[in-house]
Structure formats: structure tokens, C-alpha cells
Amino acid sequence: MILFGIVYAIVAILAYTGTITGILPGHESQEILIVILSAAVAIFALVGGILALAGNKGAARIVGIIFAVVGLVSLIYLQFTASTFNIADCIAMVLGIMLFVSAK
């Protein structure tokens, strides 16, 4: 999750600056809510990964479910506003659910 958060943040920044296109569909428009949701996905991925490595299972479960919900909201928002599917947000949702289930 830590690696996913770092890669997602770097790719999102490159997409926002126009350096790369087509990697994260919908990010090129630089709409403020898309920027906020992608930053939240990256931050929750980093925090969730750190909590999982630290062994704090209760907090990791909470961050995992929030991470999954933010990924789902981002996925749905991009679908309705940009009519596109973002695989990175789908992976974020799956990783969040995986963290929630495995941190027992």
C-alpha cells in the first residue's frame, strides 16, 4: 500500500502538470474534486500501509474502510463527470477492502 500511495501520488502529479496523459483518465482536466480525491487516496494508502506495518490493527481497519470508500467515491465521480474508468481508483478500493479484512 505504501508503494501504491507513492506511485499514485507521483503519477497524479505528472498528470496534473501535463507531463503525461492518458495514464489516469479524468485527471488532465484538473478539476478540484478530482485533485482532492486523488490526494486523499494517496494519503490513505500511505497511512494504511504504515499502520499495517506497525501492527496497529484497529486503526488499520478504520483507515482501510475509509480508503476503500474514498476510492469508490473517486471511481464513481470520475465515471459520472468524465465518463471514464480509472483502474488506479479500482485498485485503491480493492486494497482498502483487503486491509480492512486482513487486519483482524
PDB file of N, CA and C in Angstrom:
ATOM      1  N   MET A   1       0.819  -1.182   0.000  1.00  0.00           N
ATOM      2  CA  MET A   1       0.000   0.000   0.000  1.00  0.00           C
ATOM      3  C   MET A   1       0.866   1.251   0.000  1.00  0.00           C
ATOM      4  N   ILE A   2       1.974   1.188   0.692  1.00  0.00           N
ATOM      5  CA  ILE A   2       2.874   2.343   0.713  1.00  0.00           C
ATOM      6  C   ILE A   2       3.405   2.615  -0.691  1.00  0.00           C
ATOM      7  N   LEU A   3       3.817   1.570  -1.364  1.00  0.00           N
ATOM      8  CA  LEU A   3       4.319   1.713  -2.724  1.00  0.00           C
ATOM      9  C   LEU A   3       3.216   2.225  -3.655  1.00  0.00           C
ATOM     10  N   PHE A   4       2.010   1.709  -3.507  1.00  0.00           N
ATOM     11  CA  PHE A   4       0.886   2.183  -4.316  1.00  0.00           C
ATOM     12  C   PHE A   4       0.637   3.668  -4.078  1.00  0.00           C
ATOM     13  N   GLY A   5       0.667   4.099  -2.819  1.00  0.00           N
ATOM     14  CA  GLY A   5       0.444   5.508  -2.497  1.00  0.00           C
ATOM     15  C   GLY A   5       1.499   6.414  -3.111  1.00  0.00           C
ATOM     16  N   ILE A   6       2.749   5.998  -3.054  1.00  0.00           N
ATOM     17  CA  ILE A   6       3.827   6.802  -3.623  1.00  0.00           C
ATOM     18  C   ILE A   6       3.713   6.877  -5.147  1.00  0.00           C
ATOM     19  N   VAL A   7       3.494   5.741  -5.780  1.00  0.00           N
ATOM     20  CA  VAL A   7       3.373   5.714  -7.240  1.00  0.00           C
ATOM     21  C   VAL A   7       2.152   6.507  -7.694  1.00  0.00           C
ATOM     22  N   TYR A   8       1.024   6.344  -6.989  1.00  0.00           N
ATOM     23  CA  TYR A   8      -0.197   7.062  -7.346  1.00  0.00           C
ATOM     24  C   TYR A   8       0.012   8.574  -7.225  1.00  0.00           C
ATOM     25  N   ALA A   9       0.677   9.012  -6.182  1.00  0.00           N
ATOM     26  CA  ALA A   9       0.930  10.439  -5.992  1.00  0.00           C
ATOM     27  C   ALA A   9       1.835  10.989  -7.090  1.00  0.00           C
ATOM     28  N   ILE A  10       2.890  10.266  -7.431  1.00  0.00           N
ATOM     29  CA  ILE A  10       3.809  10.725  -8.477  1.00  0.00           C
ATOM     30  C   ILE A  10       3.105  10.788  -9.827  1.00  0.00           C
ATOM     31  N   VAL A  11       2.358   9.744 -10.177  1.00  0.00           N
ATOM     32  CA  VAL A  11       1.671   9.720 -11.462  1.00  0.00           C
ATOM     33  C   VAL A  11       0.591  10.799 -11.517  1.00  0.00           C
ATOM     34  N   ALA A  12      -0.122  11.021 -10.406  1.00  0.00           N
ATOM     35  CA  ALA A  12      -1.146  12.071 -10.376  1.00  0.00           C
ATOM     36  C   ALA A  12      -0.522  13.449 -10.571  1.00  0.00           C
ATOM     37  N   ILE A  13       0.606  13.701  -9.924  1.00  0.00           N
ATOM     38  CA  ILE A  13       1.287  14.996 -10.090  1.00  0.00           C
ATOM     39  C   ILE A  13       1.742  15.178 -11.532  1.00  0.00           C
ATOM     40  N   LEU A  14       2.273  14.134 -12.141  1.00  0.00           N
ATOM     41  CA  LEU A  14       2.693  14.223 -13.537  1.00  0.00           C
ATOM     42  C   LEU A  14       1.499  14.439 -14.467  1.00  0.00           C
ATOM     43  N   ALA A  15       0.362  13.830 -14.137  1.00  0.00           N
ATOM     44  CA  ALA A  15      -0.842  14.028 -14.953  1.00  0.00           C
ATOM     45  C   ALA A  15      -1.365  15.447 -14.808  1.00  0.00           C
ATOM     46  N   TYR A  16      -1.304  15.998 -13.602  1.00  0.00           N
ATOM     47  CA  TYR A  16      -1.792  17.368 -13.381  1.00  0.00           C
ATOM     48  C   TYR A  16      -0.925  18.406 -14.075  1.00  0.00           C
ATOM     49  N   THR A  17       0.358  18.151 -14.137  1.00  0.00           N
ATOM     50  CA  THR A  17       1.257  19.112 -14.781  1.00  0.00           C
ATOM     51  C   THR A  17       1.262  18.968 -16.298  1.00  0.00           C
ATOM     52  N   GLY A  18       0.634  17.926 -16.808  1.00  0.00           N
ATOM     53  CA  GLY A  18       0.569  17.723 -18.245  1.00  0.00           C
ATOM     54  C   GLY A  18       1.760  16.992 -18.814  1.00  0.00           C
ATOM     55  N   THR A  19       2.616  16.476 -17.961  1.00  0.00           N
ATOM     56  CA  THR A  19       3.799  15.751 -18.412  1.00  0.00           C
ATOM     57  C   THR A  19       3.411  14.441 -19.086  1.00  0.00           C
ATOM     58  N   ILE A  20       2.439  13.739 -18.507  1.00  0.00           N
ATOM     59  CA  ILE A  20       1.936  12.506 -19.111  1.00  0.00           C
ATOM     60  C   ILE A  20       0.419  12.634 -19.278  1.00  0.00           C
ATOM     61  N   THR A  21      -0.109  11.947 -20.256  1.00  0.00           N
ATOM     62  CA  THR A  21      -1.552  11.970 -20.476  1.00  0.00           C
ATOM     63  C   THR A  21      -2.049  10.550 -20.679  1.00  0.00           C
ATOM     64  N   GLY A  22      -3.284  10.326 -20.303  1.00  0.00           N
ATOM     65  CA  GLY A  22      -3.920   9.040 -20.530  1.00  0.00           C
ATOM     66  C   GLY A  22      -3.670   7.995 -19.469  1.00  0.00           C
ATOM     67  N   ILE A  23      -2.765   8.244 -18.545  1.00  0.00           N
ATOM     68  CA  ILE A  23      -2.472   7.253 -17.503  1.00  0.00           C
ATOM     69  C   ILE A  23      -3.602   7.211 -16.478  1.00  0.00           C
ATOM     70  N   LEU A  24      -4.028   8.364 -15.992  1.00  0.00           N
ATOM     71  CA  LEU A  24      -5.134   8.471 -15.046  1.00  0.00           C
ATOM     72  C   LEU A  24      -6.251   9.259 -15.728  1.00  0.00           C
ATOM     73  N   PRO A  25      -7.167   8.571 -16.364  1.00  0.00           N
ATOM     74  CA  PRO A  25      -8.230   9.273 -17.097  1.00  0.00           C
ATOM     75  C   PRO A  25      -9.014  10.214 -16.193  1.00  0.00           C
ATOM     76  N   GLY A  26      -9.274  11.406 -16.675  1.00  0.00           N
ATOM     77  CA  GLY A  26     -10.028  12.396 -15.927  1.00  0.00           C
ATOM     78  C   GLY A  26      -9.171  13.359 -15.147  1.00  0.00           C
ATOM     79  N   HIS A  27      -7.915  13.017 -14.895  1.00  0.00           N
ATOM     80  CA  HIS A  27      -7.046  13.878 -14.108  1.00  0.00           C
ATOM     81  C   HIS A  27      -6.506  15.060 -14.915  1.00  0.00           C
ATOM     82  N   GLU A  28      -6.475  14.928 -16.225  1.00  0.00           N
ATOM     83  CA  GLU A  28      -5.941  16.008 -17.054  1.00  0.00           C
ATOM     84  C   GLU A  28      -6.800  17.268 -16.971  1.00  0.00           C
ATOM     85  N   SER A  29      -8.084  17.102 -16.644  1.00  0.00           N
ATOM     86  CA  SER A  29      -8.971  18.265 -16.547  1.00  0.00           C
ATOM     87  C   SER A  29      -8.647  19.130 -15.327  1.00  0.00           C
ATOM     88  N   GLN A  30      -7.934  18.575 -14.370  1.00  0.00           N
ATOM     89  CA  GLN A  30      -7.514  19.255 -13.140  1.00  0.00           C
ATOM     90  C   GLN A  30      -8.693  19.831 -12.355  1.00  0.00           C
ATOM     91  N   GLU A  31      -9.812  19.125 -12.395  1.00  0.00           N
ATOM     92  CA  GLU A  31     -10.968  19.542 -11.602  1.00  0.00           C
ATOM     93  C   GLU A  31     -10.626  19.390 -10.130  1.00  0.00           C
ATOM     94  N   ILE A  32     -11.034  20.349  -9.323  1.00  0.00           N
ATOM     95  CA  ILE A  32     -10.594  20.419  -7.928  1.00  0.00           C
ATOM     96  C   ILE A  32     -11.001  19.184  -7.121  1.00  0.00           C
ATOM     97  N   LEU A  33     -12.203  18.654  -7.331  1.00  0.00           N
ATOM     98  CA  LEU A  33     -12.631  17.484  -6.565  1.00  0.00           C
ATOM     99  C   LEU A  33     -11.832  16.247  -6.949  1.00  0.00           C
ATOM    100  N   ILE A  34     -11.471  16.129  -8.216  1.00  0.00           N
ATOM    101  CA  ILE A  34     -10.636  15.005  -8.648  1.00  0.00           C
ATOM    102  C   ILE A  34      -9.258  15.105  -8.004  1.00  0.00           C
ATOM    103  N   VAL A  35      -8.728  16.296  -7.918  1.00  0.00           N
ATOM    104  CA  VAL A  35      -7.428  16.510  -7.275  1.00  0.00           C
ATOM    105  C   VAL A  35      -7.497  16.141  -5.798  1.00  0.00           C
ATOM    106  N   ILE A  36      -8.550  16.578  -5.116  1.00  0.00           N
ATOM    107  CA  ILE A  36      -8.707  16.287  -3.683  1.00  0.00           C
ATOM    108  C   ILE A  36      -8.886  14.793  -3.451  1.00  0.00           C
ATOM    109  N   LEU A  37      -9.710  14.146  -4.258  1.00  0.00           N
ATOM    110  CA  LEU A  37      -9.936  12.707  -4.088  1.00  0.00           C
ATOM    111  C   LEU A  37      -8.670  11.904  -4.359  1.00  0.00           C
ATOM    112  N   SER A  38      -7.904  12.283  -5.361  1.00  0.00           N
ATOM    113  CA  SER A  38      -6.676  11.541  -5.636  1.00  0.00           C
ATOM    114  C   SER A  38      -5.635  11.758  -4.543  1.00  0.00           C
ATOM    115  N   ALA A  39      -5.575  12.968  -3.995  1.00  0.00           N
ATOM    116  CA  ALA A  39      -4.665  13.212  -2.872  1.00  0.00           C
ATOM    117  C   ALA A  39      -5.091  12.388  -1.664  1.00  0.00           C
ATOM    118  N   ALA A  40      -6.398  12.296  -1.414  1.00  0.00           N
ATOM    119  CA  ALA A  40      -6.900  11.501  -0.296  1.00  0.00           C
ATOM    120  C   ALA A  40      -6.577  10.024  -0.492  1.00  0.00           C
ATOM    121  N   VAL A  41      -6.713   9.524  -1.705  1.00  0.00           N
ATOM    122  CA  VAL A  41      -6.380   8.124  -1.986  1.00  0.00           C
ATOM    123  C   VAL A  41      -4.906   7.863  -1.694  1.00  0.00           C
ATOM    124  N   ALA A  42      -4.033   8.746  -2.150  1.00  0.00           N
ATOM    125  CA  ALA A  42      -2.598   8.566  -1.924  1.00  0.00           C
ATOM    126  C   ALA A  42      -2.257   8.635  -0.438  1.00  0.00           C
ATOM    127  N   ILE A  43      -2.843   9.582   0.271  1.00  0.00           N
ATOM    128  CA  ILE A  43      -2.555   9.732   1.703  1.00  0.00           C
ATOM    129  C   ILE A  43      -3.061   8.539   2.502  1.00  0.00           C
ATOM    130  N   PHE A  44      -4.292   8.098   2.225  1.00  0.00           N
ATOM    131  CA  PHE A  44      -4.821   6.948   2.951  1.00  0.00           C
ATOM    132  C   PHE A  44      -4.051   5.674   2.633  1.00  0.00           C
ATOM    133  N   ALA A  45      -3.523   5.549   1.420  1.00  0.00           N
ATOM    134  CA  ALA A  45      -2.692   4.394   1.083  1.00  0.00           C
ATOM    135  C   ALA A  45      -1.414   4.401   1.910  1.00  0.00           C
ATOM    136  N   LEU A  46      -0.787   5.562   2.021  1.00  0.00           N
ATOM    137  CA  LEU A  46       0.444   5.656   2.820  1.00  0.00           C
ATOM    138  C   LEU A  46       0.183   5.391   4.297  1.00  0.00           C
ATOM    139  N   VAL A  47      -0.846   6.030   4.831  1.00  0.00           N
ATOM    140  CA  VAL A  47      -1.160   5.857   6.261  1.00  0.00           C
ATOM    141  C   VAL A  47      -1.560   4.417   6.550  1.00  0.00           C
ATOM    142  N   GLY A  48      -2.385   3.833   5.686  1.00  0.00           N
ATOM    143  CA  GLY A  48      -2.806   2.444   5.890  1.00  0.00           C
ATOM    144  C   GLY A  48      -1.639   1.477   5.843  1.00  0.00           C
ATOM    145  N   GLY A  49      -0.726   1.705   4.903  1.00  0.00           N
ATOM    146  CA  GLY A  49       0.449   0.846   4.826  1.00  0.00           C
ATOM    147  C   GLY A  49       1.346   0.969   6.040  1.00  0.00           C
ATOM    148  N   ILE A  50       1.521   2.180   6.527  1.00  0.00           N
ATOM    149  CA  ILE A  50       2.351   2.396   7.717  1.00  0.00           C
ATOM    150  C   ILE A  50       1.699   1.757   8.945  1.00  0.00           C
ATOM    151  N   LEU A  51       0.387   1.929   9.089  1.00  0.00           N
ATOM    152  CA  LEU A  51      -0.307   1.322  10.226  1.00  0.00           C
ATOM    153  C   LEU A  51      -0.259  -0.198  10.173  1.00  0.00           C
ATOM    154  N   ALA A  52      -0.367  -0.755   8.978  1.00  0.00           N
ATOM    155  CA  ALA A  52      -0.296  -2.213   8.846  1.00  0.00           C
ATOM    156  C   ALA A  52       1.092  -2.724   9.216  1.00  0.00           C
ATOM    157  N   LEU A  53       2.129  -2.012   8.795  1.00  0.00           N
ATOM    158  CA  LEU A  53       3.489  -2.426   9.150  1.00  0.00           C
ATOM    159  C   LEU A  53       3.763  -2.270  10.641  1.00  0.00           C
ATOM    160  N   ALA A  54       3.155  -1.250  11.248  1.00  0.00           N
ATOM    161  CA  ALA A  54       3.353  -1.015  12.679  1.00  0.00           C
ATOM    162  C   ALA A  54       2.574  -2.008  13.531  1.00  0.00           C
ATOM    163  N   GLY A  55       1.604  -2.686  12.941  1.00  0.00           N
ATOM    164  CA  GLY A  55       0.829  -3.676  13.680  1.00  0.00           C
ATOM    165  C   GLY A  55      -0.362  -3.106  14.415  1.00  0.00           C
ATOM    166  N   ASN A  56      -0.737  -1.887  14.147  1.00  0.00           N
ATOM    167  CA  ASN A  56      -1.897  -1.267  14.775  1.00  0.00           C
ATOM    168  C   ASN A  56      -3.145  -1.682  14.007  1.00  0.00           C
ATOM    169  N   LYS A  57      -3.706  -2.834  14.378  1.00  0.00           N
ATOM    170  CA  LYS A  57      -4.780  -3.445  13.608  1.00  0.00           C
ATOM    171  C   LYS A  57      -6.080  -2.657  13.655  1.00  0.00           C
ATOM    172  N   GLY A  58      -6.432  -2.103  14.790  1.00  0.00           N
ATOM    173  CA  GLY A  58      -7.681  -1.356  14.910  1.00  0.00           C
ATOM    174  C   GLY A  58      -7.694  -0.130  14.020  1.00  0.00           C
ATOM    175  N   ALA A  59      -6.628   0.638  14.075  1.00  0.00           N
ATOM    176  CA  ALA A  59      -6.531   1.835  13.246  1.00  0.00           C
ATOM    177  C   ALA A  59      -6.398   1.468  11.776  1.00  0.00           C
ATOM    178  N   ALA A  60      -5.704   0.372  11.479  1.00  0.00           N
ATOM    179  CA  ALA A  60      -5.540  -0.064  10.093  1.00  0.00           C
ATOM    180  C   ALA A  60      -6.882  -0.451   9.487  1.00  0.00           C
ATOM    181  N   ARG A  61      -7.745  -1.087  10.277  1.00  0.00           N
ATOM    182  CA  ARG A  61      -9.086  -1.447   9.776  1.00  0.00           C
ATOM    183  C   ARG A  61      -9.889  -0.193   9.452  1.00  0.00           C
ATOM    184  N   ILE A  62      -9.817   0.799  10.317  1.00  0.00           N
ATOM    185  CA  ILE A  62     -10.566   2.044  10.086  1.00  0.00           C
ATOM    186  C   ILE A  62     -10.050   2.754   8.845  1.00  0.00           C
ATOM    187  N   VAL A  63      -8.735   2.876   8.730  1.00  0.00           N
ATOM    188  CA  VAL A  63      -8.146   3.530   7.563  1.00  0.00           C
ATOM    189  C   VAL A  63      -8.449   2.716   6.298  1.00  0.00           C
ATOM    190  N   GLY A  64      -8.457   1.397   6.405  1.00  0.00           N
ATOM    191  CA  GLY A  64      -8.761   0.541   5.254  1.00  0.00           C
ATOM    192  C   GLY A  64     -10.155   0.784   4.712  1.00  0.00           C
ATOM    193  N   ILE A  65     -11.142   0.882   5.591  1.00  0.00           N
ATOM    194  CA  ILE A  65     -12.514   1.099   5.120  1.00  0.00           C
ATOM    195  C   ILE A  65     -12.671   2.514   4.571  1.00  0.00           C
ATOM    196  N   ILE A  66     -12.025   3.490   5.207  1.00  0.00           N
ATOM    197  CA  ILE A  66     -12.078   4.860   4.670  1.00  0.00           C
ATOM    198  C   ILE A  66     -11.387   4.917   3.310  1.00  0.00           C
ATOM    199  N   PHE A  67     -10.268   4.241   3.177  1.00  0.00           N
ATOM    200  CA  PHE A  67      -9.524   4.169   1.924  1.00  0.00           C
ATOM    201  C   PHE A  67     -10.385   3.555   0.822  1.00  0.00           C
ATOM    202  N   ALA A  68     -11.089   2.487   1.141  1.00  0.00           N
ATOM    203  CA  ALA A  68     -11.967   1.838   0.168  1.00  0.00           C
ATOM    204  C   ALA A  68     -13.115   2.757  -0.243  1.00  0.00           C
ATOM    205  N   VAL A  69     -13.699   3.458   0.716  1.00  0.00           N
ATOM    206  CA  VAL A  69     -14.817   4.360   0.413  1.00  0.00           C
ATOM    207  C   VAL A  69     -14.352   5.531  -0.441  1.00  0.00           C
ATOM    208  N   VAL A  70     -13.201   6.107  -0.114  1.00  0.00           N
ATOM    209  CA  VAL A  70     -12.676   7.225  -0.915  1.00  0.00           C
ATOM    210  C   VAL A  70     -12.356   6.748  -2.332  1.00  0.00           C
ATOM    211  N   GLY A  71     -11.797   5.563  -2.467  1.00  0.00           N
ATOM    212  CA  GLY A  71     -11.544   5.004  -3.800  1.00  0.00           C
ATOM    213  C   GLY A  71     -12.827   4.796  -4.586  1.00  0.00           C
ATOM    214  N   LEU A  72     -13.874   4.317  -3.907  1.00  0.00           N
ATOM    215  CA  LEU A  72     -15.169   4.116  -4.555  1.00  0.00           C
ATOM    216  C   LEU A  72     -15.793   5.445  -4.972  1.00  0.00           C
ATOM    217  N   VAL A  73     -15.735   6.435  -4.089  1.00  0.00           N
ATOM    218  CA  VAL A  73     -16.276   7.760  -4.415  1.00  0.00           C
ATOM    219  C   VAL A  73     -15.532   8.351  -5.614  1.00  0.00           C
ATOM    220  N   SER A  74     -14.226   8.237  -5.631  1.00  0.00           N
ATOM    221  CA  SER A  74     -13.428   8.751  -6.746  1.00  0.00           C
ATOM    222  C   SER A  74     -13.773   8.018  -8.038  1.00  0.00           C
ATOM    223  N   LEU A  75     -13.933   6.711  -7.951  1.00  0.00           N
ATOM    224  CA  LEU A  75     -14.280   5.910  -9.121  1.00  0.00           C
ATOM    225  C   LEU A  75     -15.638   6.310  -9.682  1.00  0.00           C
ATOM    226  N   ILE A  76     -16.625   6.464  -8.808  1.00  0.00           N
ATOM    227  CA  ILE A  76     -17.971   6.850  -9.241  1.00  0.00           C
ATOM    228  C   ILE A  76     -17.980   8.283  -9.776  1.00  0.00           C
ATOM    229  N   TYR A  77     -17.283   9.191  -9.094  1.00  0.00           N
ATOM    230  CA  TYR A  77     -17.251  10.586  -9.529  1.00  0.00           C
ATOM    231  C   TYR A  77     -16.644  10.710 -10.927  1.00  0.00           C
ATOM    232  N   LEU A  78     -15.549  10.015 -11.173  1.00  0.00           N
ATOM    233  CA  LEU A  78     -14.935  10.050 -12.496  1.00  0.00           C
ATOM    234  C   LEU A  78     -15.847   9.435 -13.549  1.00  0.00           C
ATOM    235  N   GLN A  79     -16.582   8.416 -13.158  1.00  0.00           N
ATOM    236  CA  GLN A  79     -17.491   7.781 -14.110  1.00  0.00           C
ATOM    237  C   GLN A  79     -18.583   8.749 -14.558  1.00  0.00           C
ATOM    238  N   PHE A  80     -19.125   9.509 -13.613  1.00  0.00           N
ATOM    239  CA  PHE A  80     -20.213  10.420 -13.950  1.00  0.00           C
ATOM    240  C   PHE A  80     -19.730  11.728 -14.584  1.00  0.00           C
ATOM    241  N   THR A  81     -18.610  12.267 -14.128  1.00  0.00           N
ATOM    242  CA  THR A  81     -18.173  13.562 -14.656  1.00  0.00           C
ATOM    243  C   THR A  81     -17.348  13.444 -15.926  1.00  0.00           C
ATOM    244  N   ALA A  82     -16.469  12.464 -15.990  1.00  0.00           N
ATOM    245  CA  ALA A  82     -15.579  12.342 -17.143  1.00  0.00           C
ATOM    246  C   ALA A  82     -15.939  11.155 -18.028  1.00  0.00           C
ATOM    247  N   SER A  83     -16.932  10.376 -17.641  1.00  0.00           N
ATOM    248  CA  SER A  83     -17.345   9.169 -18.381  1.00  0.00           C
ATOM    249  C   SER A  83     -16.158   8.254 -18.655  1.00  0.00           C
ATOM    250  N   THR A  84     -15.371   8.029 -17.623  1.00  0.00           N
ATOM    251  CA  THR A  84     -14.180   7.204 -17.773  1.00  0.00           C
ATOM    252  C   THR A  84     -14.001   6.304 -16.553  1.00  0.00           C
ATOM    253  N   PHE A  85     -13.250   5.244 -16.718  1.00  0.00           N
ATOM    254  CA  PHE A  85     -12.955   4.305 -15.646  1.00  0.00           C
ATOM    255  C   PHE A  85     -11.484   4.434 -15.300  1.00  0.00           C
ATOM    256  N   ASN A  86     -11.184   4.598 -14.012  1.00  0.00           N
ATOM    257  CA  ASN A  86      -9.805   4.744 -13.556  1.00  0.00           C
ATOM    258  C   ASN A  86      -9.403   3.477 -12.802  1.00  0.00           C
ATOM    259  N   ILE A  87      -8.504   2.715 -13.374  1.00  0.00           N
ATOM    260  CA  ILE A  87      -8.080   1.458 -12.765  1.00  0.00           C
ATOM    261  C   ILE A  87      -7.360   1.684 -11.434  1.00  0.00           C
ATOM    262  N   ALA A  88      -6.680   2.817 -11.287  1.00  0.00           N
ATOM    263  CA  ALA A  88      -5.970   3.101 -10.036  1.00  0.00           C
ATOM    264  C   ALA A  88      -6.949   3.255  -8.880  1.00  0.00           C
ATOM    265  N   ASP A  89      -8.094   3.886  -9.113  1.00  0.00           N
ATOM    266  CA  ASP A  89      -9.095   4.005  -8.055  1.00  0.00           C
ATOM    267  C   ASP A  89      -9.739   2.656  -7.745  1.00  0.00           C
ATOM    268  N   CYS A  90      -9.869   1.820  -8.747  1.00  0.00           N
ATOM    269  CA  CYS A  90     -10.391   0.469  -8.519  1.00  0.00           C
ATOM    270  C   CYS A  90      -9.410  -0.340  -7.669  1.00  0.00           C
ATOM    271  N   ILE A  91      -8.128  -0.209  -7.954  1.00  0.00           N
ATOM    272  CA  ILE A  91      -7.104  -0.891  -7.153  1.00  0.00           C
ATOM    273  C   ILE A  91      -7.115  -0.351  -5.728  1.00  0.00           C
ATOM    274  N   ALA A  92      -7.307   0.958  -5.574  1.00  0.00           N
ATOM    275  CA  ALA A  92      -7.374   1.563  -4.240  1.00  0.00           C
ATOM    276  C   ALA A  92      -8.538   0.976  -3.449  1.00  0.00           C
ATOM    277  N   MET A  93      -9.668   0.811  -4.089  1.00  0.00           N
ATOM    278  CA  MET A  93     -10.832   0.250  -3.415  1.00  0.00           C
ATOM    279  C   MET A  93     -10.556  -1.191  -2.970  1.00  0.00           C
ATOM    280  N   VAL A  94      -9.952  -1.970  -3.840  1.00  0.00           N
ATOM    281  CA  VAL A  94      -9.632  -3.364  -3.513  1.00  0.00           C
ATOM    282  C   VAL A  94      -8.601  -3.433  -2.388  1.00  0.00           C
ATOM    283  N   LEU A  95      -7.575  -2.585  -2.431  1.00  0.00           N
ATOM    284  CA  LEU A  95      -6.568  -2.577  -1.367  1.00  0.00           C
ATOM    285  C   LEU A  95      -7.173  -2.164  -0.022  1.00  0.00           C
ATOM    286  N   GLY A  96      -8.079  -1.202  -0.040  1.00  0.00           N
ATOM    287  CA  GLY A  96      -8.739  -0.789   1.197  1.00  0.00           C
ATOM    288  C   GLY A  96      -9.567  -1.904   1.804  1.00  0.00           C
ATOM    289  N   ILE A  97     -10.305  -2.605   0.968  1.00  0.00           N
ATOM    290  CA  ILE A  97     -11.104  -3.739   1.459  1.00  0.00           C
ATOM    291  C   ILE A  97     -10.192  -4.843   1.963  1.00  0.00           C
ATOM    292  N   MET A  98      -9.098  -5.073   1.254  1.00  0.00           N
ATOM    293  CA  MET A  98      -8.140  -6.100   1.662  1.00  0.00           C
ATOM    294  C   MET A  98      -7.518  -5.761   3.024  1.00  0.00           C
ATOM    295  N   LEU A  99      -7.194  -4.482   3.237  1.00  0.00           N
ATOM    296  CA  LEU A  99      -6.638  -4.067   4.517  1.00  0.00           C
ATOM    297  C   LEU A  99      -7.685  -4.225   5.630  1.00  0.00           C
ATOM    298  N   PHE A 100      -8.910  -3.842   5.357  1.00  0.00           N
ATOM    299  CA  PHE A 100      -9.972  -3.967   6.352  1.00  0.00           C
ATOM    300  C   PHE A 100     -10.192  -5.416   6.761  1.00  0.00           C
ATOM    301  N   VAL A 101     -10.201  -6.323   5.788  1.00  0.00           N
ATOM    302  CA  VAL A 101     -10.460  -7.726   6.074  1.00  0.00           C
ATOM    303  C   VAL A 101      -9.270  -8.403   6.749  1.00  0.00           C
ATOM    304  N   SER A 102      -8.060  -8.075   6.316  1.00  0.00           N
ATOM    305  CA  SER A 102      -6.889  -8.779   6.836  1.00  0.00           C
ATOM    306  C   SER A 102      -6.410  -8.268   8.192  1.00  0.00           C
ATOM    307  N   ALA A 103      -6.786  -7.066   8.594  1.00  0.00           N
ATOM    308  CA  ALA A 103      -6.337  -6.509   9.877  1.00  0.00           C
ATOM    309  C   ALA A 103      -7.310  -6.890  10.978  1.00  0.00           C
ATOM    310  N   LYS A 104      -7.313  -8.134  11.356  1.00  0.00           N
ATOM    311  CA  LYS A 104      -8.215  -8.604  12.417  1.00  0.00           C
ATOM    312  C   LYS A 104      -7.449  -8.883  13.675  1.00  0.00           C
TER     313      LYS A 104
END
